[in-house]
Amino acid sequence: ISSLIQEALDLSPRGIREHLNLSQPIYARTAAYGH
C-alpha cells in the first residue's frame, strides 16, 4: 500500500500543492468544524 500511494501522488511540497490545487484562497472555511 505504501508503494501504491507513492506511485499515485508526488509527495514533494510542490507535488502536493499542485495535485490538490492548494495555492488558492480556500483556508478560512477550514478553520472551524474540522479540516
Full PDB file with SEQRES, HELIX, SHEET, SSBOND, CRYST1, ORIGX, SCALE, CONECT and MASTER records, all heavy atoms in Angstrom:
SEQRES   1 A   35  ILE SER SER LEU ILE GLN GLU ALA LEU ASP LEU SER PRO          
SEQRES   2 A   35  ARG GLY ILE ARG GLU HIS LEU ASN LEU SER GLN PRO ILE          
SEQRES   3 A   35  TYR ALA ARG THR ALA ALA TYR GLY HIS                          
HELIX    1 AA1 SER A    2  ALA A    8  1                                   7    
HELIX    2 AA2 PRO A   13  HIS A   19  1                                   7    
HELIX    3 AA3 ALA A   28  ALA A   31  5                                   4    
CRYST1    1.000    1.000    1.000  90.00  90.00  90.00 P 1           1          
ORIGX1      1.000000  0.000000  0.000000        0.00000                         
ORIGX2      0.000000  1.000000  0.000000        0.00000                         
ORIGX3      0.000000  0.000000  1.000000        0.00000                         
SCALE1      1.000000  0.000000  0.000000        0.00000                         
SCALE2      0.000000  1.000000  0.000000        0.00000                         
SCALE3      0.000000  0.000000  1.000000        0.00000                         
ATOM      1  N   ILE A   1       0.839  -1.206   0.000  1.00  0.00           N  
ATOM      2  CA  ILE A   1       0.000   0.000   0.000  1.00  0.00           C  
ATOM      3  C   ILE A   1       0.869   1.249   0.000  1.00  0.00           C  
ATOM      4  O   ILE A   1       0.590   2.225  -0.704  1.00  0.00           O  
ATOM      5  CB  ILE A   1      -0.972  -0.010   1.192  1.00  0.00           C  
ATOM      6  CG1 ILE A   1      -1.986  -1.144   1.038  1.00  0.00           C  
ATOM      7  CG2 ILE A   1      -1.695   1.330   1.323  1.00  0.00           C  
ATOM      8  CD1 ILE A   1      -2.912  -1.325   2.220  1.00  0.00           C  
ATOM      9  N   SER A   2       1.965   1.229   0.771  1.00  0.00           N  
ATOM     10  CA  SER A   2       2.881   2.363   0.788  1.00  0.00           C  
ATOM     11  C   SER A   2       3.441   2.639  -0.598  1.00  0.00           C  
ATOM     12  O   SER A   2       3.517   3.793  -1.045  1.00  0.00           O  
ATOM     13  CB  SER A   2       4.017   2.104   1.783  1.00  0.00           C  
ATOM     14  OG  SER A   2       4.938   3.175   1.790  1.00  0.00           O  
ATOM     15  N   SER A   3       3.823   1.592  -1.303  1.00  0.00           N  
ATOM     16  CA  SER A   3       4.328   1.766  -2.669  1.00  0.00           C  
ATOM     17  C   SER A   3       3.242   2.305  -3.596  1.00  0.00           C  
ATOM     18  O   SER A   3       3.499   3.176  -4.434  1.00  0.00           O  
ATOM     19  CB  SER A   3       4.842   0.432  -3.219  1.00  0.00           C  
ATOM     20  OG  SER A   3       5.944  -0.031  -2.465  1.00  0.00           O  
ATOM     21  N   LEU A   4       2.004   1.813  -3.428  1.00  0.00           N  
ATOM     22  CA  LEU A   4       0.898   2.249  -4.276  1.00  0.00           C  
ATOM     23  C   LEU A   4       0.626   3.741  -4.123  1.00  0.00           C  
ATOM     24  O   LEU A   4       0.457   4.460  -5.117  1.00  0.00           O  
ATOM     25  CB  LEU A   4      -0.370   1.467  -3.936  1.00  0.00           C  
ATOM     26  CG  LEU A   4      -0.412  -0.020  -4.269  1.00  0.00           C  
ATOM     27  CD1 LEU A   4      -1.717  -0.630  -3.769  1.00  0.00           C  
ATOM     28  CD2 LEU A   4      -0.259  -0.247  -5.757  1.00  0.00           C  
ATOM     29  N   ILE A   5       0.586   4.212  -2.887  1.00  0.00           N  
ATOM     30  CA  ILE A   5       0.231   5.621  -2.685  1.00  0.00           C  
ATOM     31  C   ILE A   5       1.347   6.544  -3.163  1.00  0.00           C  
ATOM     32  O   ILE A   5       1.073   7.662  -3.634  1.00  0.00           O  
ATOM     33  CB  ILE A   5      -0.138   5.919  -1.217  1.00  0.00           C  
ATOM     34  CG1 ILE A   5       1.032   5.655  -0.263  1.00  0.00           C  
ATOM     35  CG2 ILE A   5      -1.374   5.127  -0.793  1.00  0.00           C  
ATOM     36  CD1 ILE A   5       0.748   6.031   1.184  1.00  0.00           C  
ATOM     37  N   GLN A   6       2.601   6.081  -3.084  1.00  0.00           N  
ATOM     38  CA  GLN A   6       3.699   6.909  -3.589  1.00  0.00           C  
ATOM     39  C   GLN A   6       3.739   6.932  -5.111  1.00  0.00           C  
ATOM     40  O   GLN A   6       4.222   7.906  -5.699  1.00  0.00           O  
ATOM     41  CB  GLN A   6       5.023   6.412  -3.006  1.00  0.00           C  
ATOM     42  CG  GLN A   6       5.125   6.672  -1.501  1.00  0.00           C  
ATOM     43  CD  GLN A   6       6.405   6.152  -0.904  1.00  0.00           C  
ATOM     44  OE1 GLN A   6       7.479   6.731  -1.093  1.00  0.00           O  
ATOM     45  NE2 GLN A   6       6.312   5.046  -0.173  1.00  0.00           N  
ATOM     46  N   GLU A   7       3.212   5.890  -5.738  1.00  0.00           N  
ATOM     47  CA  GLU A   7       3.046   5.914  -7.195  1.00  0.00           C  
ATOM     48  C   GLU A   7       1.918   6.870  -7.591  1.00  0.00           C  
ATOM     49  O   GLU A   7       1.976   7.538  -8.617  1.00  0.00           O  
ATOM     50  CB  GLU A   7       2.717   4.520  -7.720  1.00  0.00           C  
ATOM     51  CG  GLU A   7       3.855   3.536  -7.747  1.00  0.00           C  
ATOM     52  CD  GLU A   7       3.406   2.196  -8.310  1.00  0.00           C  
ATOM     53  OE1 GLU A   7       2.727   2.186  -9.354  1.00  0.00           O  
ATOM     54  OE2 GLU A   7       3.725   1.168  -7.696  1.00  0.00           O  
ATOM     55  N   ALA A   8       0.888   6.929  -6.748  1.00  0.00           N  
ATOM     56  CA  ALA A   8      -0.312   7.694  -7.091  1.00  0.00           C  
ATOM     57  C   ALA A   8      -0.141   9.189  -6.881  1.00  0.00           C  
ATOM     58  O   ALA A   8      -0.822   9.994  -7.539  1.00  0.00           O  
ATOM     59  CB  ALA A   8      -1.496   7.192  -6.270  1.00  0.00           C  
ATOM     60  N   LEU A   9       0.733   9.608  -5.964  1.00  0.00           N  
ATOM     61  CA  LEU A   9       0.861  11.031  -5.627  1.00  0.00           C  
ATOM     62  C   LEU A   9       2.322  11.394  -5.385  1.00  0.00           C  
ATOM     63  O   LEU A   9       3.008  10.744  -4.590  1.00  0.00           O  
ATOM     64  CB  LEU A   9       0.034  11.356  -4.371  1.00  0.00           C  
ATOM     65  CG  LEU A   9       0.112  12.791  -3.849  1.00  0.00           C  
ATOM     66  CD1 LEU A   9      -0.404  13.780  -4.884  1.00  0.00           C  
ATOM     67  CD2 LEU A   9      -0.656  12.940  -2.536  1.00  0.00           C  
ATOM     68  N   ASP A  10       2.778  12.434  -6.053  1.00  0.00           N  
ATOM     69  CA  ASP A  10       4.092  13.016  -5.806  1.00  0.00           C  
ATOM     70  C   ASP A  10       4.027  13.731  -4.459  1.00  0.00           C  
ATOM     71  O   ASP A  10       3.320  14.727  -4.302  1.00  0.00           O  
ATOM     72  CB  ASP A  10       4.422  14.004  -6.932  1.00  0.00           C  
ATOM     73  CG  ASP A  10       5.725  14.762  -6.698  1.00  0.00           C  
ATOM     74  OD1 ASP A  10       6.414  14.521  -5.681  1.00  0.00           O  
ATOM     75  OD2 ASP A  10       6.052  15.637  -7.539  1.00  0.00           O  
ATOM     76  N   LEU A  11       4.769  13.226  -3.485  1.00  0.00           N  
ATOM     77  CA  LEU A  11       4.680  13.741  -2.123  1.00  0.00           C  
ATOM     78  C   LEU A  11       5.692  14.850  -1.834  1.00  0.00           C  
ATOM     79  O   LEU A  11       5.930  15.182  -0.670  1.00  0.00           O  
ATOM     80  CB  LEU A  11       4.836  12.592  -1.120  1.00  0.00           C  
ATOM     81  CG  LEU A  11       3.610  11.671  -1.044  1.00  0.00           C  
ATOM     82  CD1 LEU A  11       3.932  10.411  -0.256  1.00  0.00           C  
ATOM     83  CD2 LEU A  11       2.433  12.414  -0.417  1.00  0.00           C  
ATOM     84  N   SER A  12       6.280  15.443  -2.852  1.00  0.00           N  
ATOM     85  CA  SER A  12       7.068  16.657  -2.644  1.00  0.00           C  
ATOM     86  C   SER A  12       6.112  17.805  -2.333  1.00  0.00           C  
ATOM     87  O   SER A  12       4.925  17.752  -2.684  1.00  0.00           O  
ATOM     88  CB  SER A  12       7.874  16.996  -3.896  1.00  0.00           C  
ATOM     89  OG  SER A  12       7.010  17.410  -4.949  1.00  0.00           O  
ATOM     90  N   PRO A  13       6.584  18.868  -1.660  1.00  0.00           N  
ATOM     91  CA  PRO A  13       5.696  20.004  -1.392  1.00  0.00           C  
ATOM     92  C   PRO A  13       5.036  20.556  -2.659  1.00  0.00           C  
ATOM     93  O   PRO A  13       3.841  20.874  -2.659  1.00  0.00           O  
ATOM     94  CB  PRO A  13       6.626  21.026  -0.741  1.00  0.00           C  
ATOM     95  CG  PRO A  13       7.665  20.191  -0.065  1.00  0.00           C  
ATOM     96  CD  PRO A  13       7.885  19.025  -0.985  1.00  0.00           C  
ATOM     97  N   ARG A  14       5.815  20.658  -3.744  1.00  0.00           N  
ATOM     98  CA  ARG A  14       5.228  21.140  -4.997  1.00  0.00           C  
ATOM     99  C   ARG A  14       4.187  20.137  -5.531  1.00  0.00           C  
ATOM    100  O   ARG A  14       3.111  20.523  -5.990  1.00  0.00           O  
ATOM    101  CB  ARG A  14       6.310  21.351  -6.056  1.00  0.00           C  
ATOM    102  CG  ARG A  14       5.737  21.914  -7.374  1.00  0.00           C  
ATOM    103  CD  ARG A  14       6.675  21.629  -8.545  1.00  0.00           C  
ATOM    104  NE  ARG A  14       7.942  22.329  -8.428  1.00  0.00           N  
ATOM    105  CZ  ARG A  14       8.177  23.552  -8.899  1.00  0.00           C  
ATOM    106  NH1 ARG A  14       7.218  24.216  -9.518  1.00  0.00           N  
ATOM    107  NH2 ARG A  14       9.368  24.101  -8.760  1.00  0.00           N  
ATOM    108  N   GLY A  15       4.523  18.841  -5.485  1.00  0.00           N  
ATOM    109  CA  GLY A  15       3.607  17.827  -5.980  1.00  0.00           C  
ATOM    110  C   GLY A  15       2.276  17.841  -5.250  1.00  0.00           C  
ATOM    111  O   GLY A  15       1.205  17.744  -5.867  1.00  0.00           O  
ATOM    112  N   ILE A  16       2.330  17.977  -3.919  1.00  0.00           N  
ATOM    113  CA  ILE A  16       1.104  18.039  -3.126  1.00  0.00           C  
ATOM    114  C   ILE A  16       0.309  19.297  -3.469  1.00  0.00           C  
ATOM    115  O   ILE A  16      -0.911  19.245  -3.707  1.00  0.00           O  
ATOM    116  CB  ILE A  16       1.444  18.017  -1.619  1.00  0.00           C  
ATOM    117  CG1 ILE A  16       2.046  16.673  -1.211  1.00  0.00           C  
ATOM    118  CG2 ILE A  16       0.198  18.325  -0.782  1.00  0.00           C  
ATOM    119  CD1 ILE A  16       2.640  16.662   0.177  1.00  0.00           C  
ATOM    120  N   ARG A  17       1.002  20.428  -3.486  1.00  0.00           N  
ATOM    121  CA  ARG A  17       0.331  21.707  -3.742  1.00  0.00           C  
ATOM    122  C   ARG A  17      -0.360  21.711  -5.094  1.00  0.00           C  
ATOM    123  O   ARG A  17      -1.511  22.173  -5.217  1.00  0.00           O  
ATOM    124  CB  ARG A  17       1.355  22.843  -3.658  1.00  0.00           C  
ATOM    125  CG  ARG A  17       0.803  24.220  -3.940  1.00  0.00           C  
ATOM    126  CD  ARG A  17       1.831  25.292  -3.643  1.00  0.00           C  
ATOM    127  NE  ARG A  17       3.080  25.109  -4.348  1.00  0.00           N  
ATOM    128  CZ  ARG A  17       3.289  25.442  -5.622  1.00  0.00           C  
ATOM    129  NH1 ARG A  17       2.311  25.961  -6.341  1.00  0.00           N  
ATOM    130  NH2 ARG A  17       4.472  25.273  -6.189  1.00  0.00           N  
ATOM    131  N   GLU A  18       0.309  21.184  -6.114  1.00  0.00           N  
ATOM    132  CA  GLU A  18      -0.271  21.209  -7.453  1.00  0.00           C  
ATOM    133  C   GLU A  18      -1.373  20.171  -7.623  1.00  0.00           C  
ATOM    134  O   GLU A  18      -2.407  20.445  -8.232  1.00  0.00           O  
ATOM    135  CB  GLU A  18       0.834  21.011  -8.502  1.00  0.00           C  
ATOM    136  CG  GLU A  18       1.793  22.200  -8.562  1.00  0.00           C  
ATOM    137  CD  GLU A  18       2.884  22.035  -9.610  1.00  0.00           C  
ATOM    138  OE1 GLU A  18       3.032  20.897 -10.152  1.00  0.00           O  
ATOM    139  OE2 GLU A  18       3.593  23.022  -9.882  1.00  0.00           O  
ATOM    140  N   HIS A  19      -1.178  18.981  -7.075  1.00  0.00           N  
ATOM    141  CA  HIS A  19      -2.196  17.931  -7.232  1.00  0.00           C  
ATOM    142  C   HIS A  19      -3.501  18.314  -6.534  1.00  0.00           C  
ATOM    143  O   HIS A  19      -4.593  18.102  -7.079  1.00  0.00           O  
ATOM    144  CB  HIS A  19      -1.675  16.605  -6.665  1.00  0.00           C  
ATOM    145  CG  HIS A  19      -2.591  15.444  -6.898  1.00  0.00           C  
ATOM    146  ND1 HIS A  19      -2.420  14.552  -7.930  1.00  0.00           N  
ATOM    147  CD2 HIS A  19      -3.713  15.029  -6.241  1.00  0.00           C  
ATOM    148  CE1 HIS A  19      -3.381  13.647  -7.905  1.00  0.00           C  
ATOM    149  NE2 HIS A  19      -4.175  13.913  -6.874  1.00  0.00           N  
ATOM    150  N   LEU A  20      -3.391  18.874  -5.341  1.00  0.00           N  
ATOM    151  CA  LEU A  20      -4.578  19.246  -4.570  1.00  0.00           C  
ATOM    152  C   LEU A  20      -5.007  20.691  -4.805  1.00  0.00           C  
ATOM    153  O   LEU A  20      -5.989  21.149  -4.215  1.00  0.00           O  
ATOM    154  CB  LEU A  20      -4.329  19.008  -3.078  1.00  0.00           C  
ATOM    155  CG  LEU A  20      -4.099  17.541  -2.680  1.00  0.00           C  
ATOM    156  CD1 LEU A  20      -3.778  17.434  -1.192  1.00  0.00           C  
ATOM    157  CD2 LEU A  20      -5.308  16.676  -3.027  1.00  0.00           C  
ATOM    158  N   ASN A  21      -4.259  21.394  -5.661  1.00  0.00           N  
ATOM    159  CA  ASN A  21      -4.600  22.780  -6.013  1.00  0.00           C  
ATOM    160  C   ASN A  21      -4.737  23.646  -4.752  1.00  0.00           C  
ATOM    161  O   ASN A  21      -5.749  24.325  -4.542  1.00  0.00           O  
ATOM    162  CB  ASN A  21      -5.895  22.808  -6.833  1.00  0.00           C  
ATOM    163  CG  ASN A  21      -6.003  24.051  -7.700  1.00  0.00           C  
ATOM    164  OD1 ASN A  21      -5.032  24.794  -7.861  1.00  0.00           O  
ATOM    165  ND2 ASN A  21      -7.178  24.284  -8.257  1.00  0.00           N  
ATOM    166  N   LEU A  22      -3.683  23.650  -3.953  1.00  0.00           N  
ATOM    167  CA  LEU A  22      -3.728  24.290  -2.641  1.00  0.00           C  
ATOM    168  C   LEU A  22      -3.368  25.775  -2.642  1.00  0.00           C  
ATOM    169  O   LEU A  22      -3.517  26.428  -1.607  1.00  0.00           O  
ATOM    170  CB  LEU A  22      -2.787  23.549  -1.679  1.00  0.00           C  
ATOM    171  CG  LEU A  22      -3.139  22.096  -1.374  1.00  0.00           C  
ATOM    172  CD1 LEU A  22      -2.125  21.500  -0.412  1.00  0.00           C  
ATOM    173  CD2 LEU A  22      -4.552  21.965  -0.812  1.00  0.00           C  
ATOM    174  N   SER A  23      -2.907  26.309  -3.768  1.00  0.00           N  
ATOM    175  CA  SER A  23      -2.476  27.715  -3.786  1.00  0.00           C  
ATOM    176  C   SER A  23      -3.649  28.653  -4.068  1.00  0.00           C  
ATOM    177  O   SER A  23      -3.533  29.610  -4.823  1.00  0.00           O  
ATOM    178  CB  SER A  23      -1.370  27.910  -4.828  1.00  0.00           C  
ATOM    179  OG  SER A  23      -0.239  27.141  -4.502  1.00  0.00           O  
ATOM    180  N   GLN A  24      -4.755  28.378  -3.449  1.00  0.00           N  
ATOM    181  CA  GLN A  24      -5.973  29.163  -3.628  1.00  0.00           C  
ATOM    182  C   GLN A  24      -6.431  29.708  -2.272  1.00  0.00           C  
ATOM    183  O   GLN A  24      -6.073  29.159  -1.224  1.00  0.00           O  
ATOM    184  CB  GLN A  24      -7.098  28.290  -4.182  1.00  0.00           C  
ATOM    185  CG  GLN A  24      -6.838  27.627  -5.505  1.00  0.00           C  
ATOM    186  CD  GLN A  24      -8.098  26.895  -5.937  1.00  0.00           C  
ATOM    187  OE1 GLN A  24      -9.007  27.482  -6.520  1.00  0.00           O  
ATOM    188  NE2 GLN A  24      -8.179  25.614  -5.604  1.00  0.00           N  
ATOM    189  N   PRO A  25      -7.275  30.736  -2.272  1.00  0.00           N  
ATOM    190  CA  PRO A  25      -7.809  31.262  -1.004  1.00  0.00           C  
ATOM    191  C   PRO A  25      -8.962  30.405  -0.493  1.00  0.00           C  
ATOM    192  O   PRO A  25     -10.139  30.767  -0.563  1.00  0.00           O  
ATOM    193  CB  PRO A  25      -8.272  32.670  -1.393  1.00  0.00           C  
ATOM    194  CG  PRO A  25      -8.633  32.563  -2.842  1.00  0.00           C  
ATOM    195  CD  PRO A  25      -7.647  31.588  -3.426  1.00  0.00           C  
ATOM    196  N   ILE A  26      -8.625  29.243   0.064  1.00  0.00           N  
ATOM    197  CA  ILE A  26      -9.631  28.248   0.458  1.00  0.00           C  
ATOM    198  C   ILE A  26      -9.530  27.876   1.937  1.00  0.00           C  
ATOM    199  O   ILE A  26     -10.109  26.872   2.364  1.00  0.00           O  
ATOM    200  CB  ILE A  26      -9.483  26.963  -0.384  1.00  0.00           C  
ATOM    201  CG1 ILE A  26      -8.056  26.414  -0.282  1.00  0.00           C  
ATOM    202  CG2 ILE A  26      -9.864  27.233  -1.841  1.00  0.00           C  
ATOM    203  CD1 ILE A  26      -7.847  25.058  -0.946  1.00  0.00           C  
ATOM    204  N   TYR A  27      -8.852  28.700   2.727  1.00  0.00           N  
ATOM    205  CA  TYR A  27      -8.480  28.233   4.054  1.00  0.00           C  
ATOM    206  C   TYR A  27      -9.342  28.745   5.205  1.00  0.00           C  
ATOM    207  O   TYR A  27      -9.489  28.048   6.214  1.00  0.00           O  
ATOM    208  CB  TYR A  27      -6.998  28.529   4.303  1.00  0.00           C  
ATOM    209  CG  TYR A  27      -6.141  27.743   3.350  1.00  0.00           C  
ATOM    210  CD1 TYR A  27      -5.554  28.344   2.237  1.00  0.00           C  
ATOM    211  CD2 TYR A  27      -5.982  26.377   3.503  1.00  0.00           C  
ATOM    212  CE1 TYR A  27      -4.812  27.605   1.328  1.00  0.00           C  
ATOM    213  CE2 TYR A  27      -5.241  25.628   2.600  1.00  0.00           C  
ATOM    214  CZ  TYR A  27      -4.661  26.251   1.516  1.00  0.00           C  
ATOM    215  OH  TYR A  27      -3.939  25.507   0.610  1.00  0.00           O  
ATOM    216  N   ALA A  28      -9.936  29.912   5.088  1.00  0.00           N  
ATOM    217  CA  ALA A  28     -10.757  30.424   6.200  1.00  0.00           C  
ATOM    218  C   ALA A  28     -11.878  29.456   6.535  1.00  0.00           C  
ATOM    219  O   ALA A  28     -12.218  29.256   7.708  1.00  0.00           O  
ATOM    220  CB  ALA A  28     -11.313  31.804   5.860  1.00  0.00           C  
ATOM    221  N   ARG A  29     -12.441  28.824   5.520  1.00  0.00           N  
ATOM    222  CA  ARG A  29     -13.558  27.893   5.741  1.00  0.00           C  
ATOM    223  C   ARG A  29     -13.139  26.630   6.485  1.00  0.00           C  
ATOM    224  O   ARG A  29     -13.978  25.917   7.048  1.00  0.00           O  
ATOM    225  CB  ARG A  29     -14.193  27.533   4.398  1.00  0.00           C  
ATOM    226  CG  ARG A  29     -13.352  26.615   3.541  1.00  0.00           C  
ATOM    227  CD  ARG A  29     -13.845  26.473   2.107  1.00  0.00           C  
ATOM    228  NE  ARG A  29     -13.507  27.631   1.286  1.00  0.00           N  
ATOM    229  CZ  ARG A  29     -13.671  27.687  -0.024  1.00  0.00           C  
ATOM    230  NH1 ARG A  29     -14.201  26.661  -0.669  1.00  0.00           N  
ATOM    231  NH2 ARG A  29     -13.327  28.759  -0.694  1.00  0.00           N  
ATOM    232  N   THR A  30     -11.830  26.323   6.466  1.00  0.00           N  
ATOM    233  CA  THR A  30     -11.362  25.109   7.146  1.00  0.00           C  
ATOM    234  C   THR A  30     -11.194  25.316   8.647  1.00  0.00           C  
ATOM    235  O   THR A  30     -11.062  24.341   9.393  1.00  0.00           O  
ATOM    236  CB  THR A  30     -10.000  24.649   6.582  1.00  0.00           C  
ATOM    237  OG1 THR A  30      -8.967  25.585   6.972  1.00  0.00           O  
ATOM    238  CG2 THR A  30     -10.027  24.535   5.070  1.00  0.00           C  
ATOM    239  N   ALA A  31     -11.191  26.573   9.080  1.00  0.00           N  
ATOM    240  CA  ALA A  31     -10.730  26.895  10.430  1.00  0.00           C  
ATOM    241  C   ALA A  31     -11.779  26.688  11.516  1.00  0.00           C  
ATOM    242  O   ALA A  31     -11.523  26.963  12.682  1.00  0.00           O  
ATOM    243  CB  ALA A  31     -10.217  28.337  10.469  1.00  0.00           C  
ATOM    244  N   ALA A  32     -12.962  26.213  11.168  1.00  0.00           N  
ATOM    245  CA  ALA A  32     -13.970  25.834  12.161  1.00  0.00           C  
ATOM    246  C   ALA A  32     -14.687  24.587  11.668  1.00  0.00           C  
ATOM    247  O   ALA A  32     -14.919  24.430  10.470  1.00  0.00           O  
ATOM    248  CB  ALA A  32     -14.970  26.963  12.393  1.00  0.00           C  
ATOM    249  N   TYR A  33     -14.994  23.687  12.596  1.00  0.00           N  
ATOM    250  CA  TYR A  33     -15.729  22.447  12.332  1.00  0.00           C  
ATOM    251  C   TYR A  33     -14.913  21.407  11.567  1.00  0.00           C  
ATOM    252  O   TYR A  33     -15.471  20.545  10.903  1.00  0.00           O  
ATOM    253  CB  TYR A  33     -17.071  22.727  11.629  1.00  0.00           C  
ATOM    254  CG  TYR A  33     -17.860  23.796  12.350  1.00  0.00           C  
ATOM    255  CD1 TYR A  33     -18.118  25.030  11.754  1.00  0.00           C  
ATOM    256  CD2 TYR A  33     -18.303  23.587  13.664  1.00  0.00           C  
ATOM    257  CE1 TYR A  33     -18.803  26.021  12.437  1.00  0.00           C  
ATOM    258  CE2 TYR A  33     -18.991  24.570  14.350  1.00  0.00           C  
ATOM    259  CZ  TYR A  33     -19.233  25.796  13.732  1.00  0.00           C  
ATOM    260  OH  TYR A  33     -19.905  26.777  14.420  1.00  0.00           O  
ATOM    261  N   GLY A  34     -13.597  21.479  11.695  1.00  0.00           N  
ATOM    262  CA  GLY A  34     -12.748  20.411  11.201  1.00  0.00           C  
ATOM    263  C   GLY A  34     -12.202  20.628   9.805  1.00  0.00           C  
ATOM    264  O   GLY A  34     -12.891  21.123   8.918  1.00  0.00           O  
ATOM    265  N   HIS A  35     -10.950  20.241   9.620  1.00  0.00           N  
ATOM    266  CA  HIS A  35     -10.312  20.309   8.305  1.00  0.00           C  
ATOM    267  C   HIS A  35     -10.628  19.083   7.467  1.00  0.00           C  
ATOM    268  O   HIS A  35     -10.388  19.095   6.258  1.00  0.00           O  
ATOM    269  CB  HIS A  35      -8.796  20.437   8.468  1.00  0.00           C  
ATOM    270  CG  HIS A  35      -8.363  21.737   9.058  1.00  0.00           C  
ATOM    271  ND1 HIS A  35      -7.653  22.685   8.346  1.00  0.00           N  
ATOM    272  CD2 HIS A  35      -8.548  22.272  10.295  1.00  0.00           C  
ATOM    273  CE1 HIS A  35      -7.411  23.736   9.120  1.00  0.00           C  
ATOM    274  NE2 HIS A  35      -7.943  23.497  10.307  1.00  0.00           N  
TER     275      HIS A  35                                                      
MASTER        0    0    0    3    0    0    0    6  274    1    0    3          
END                                                                             
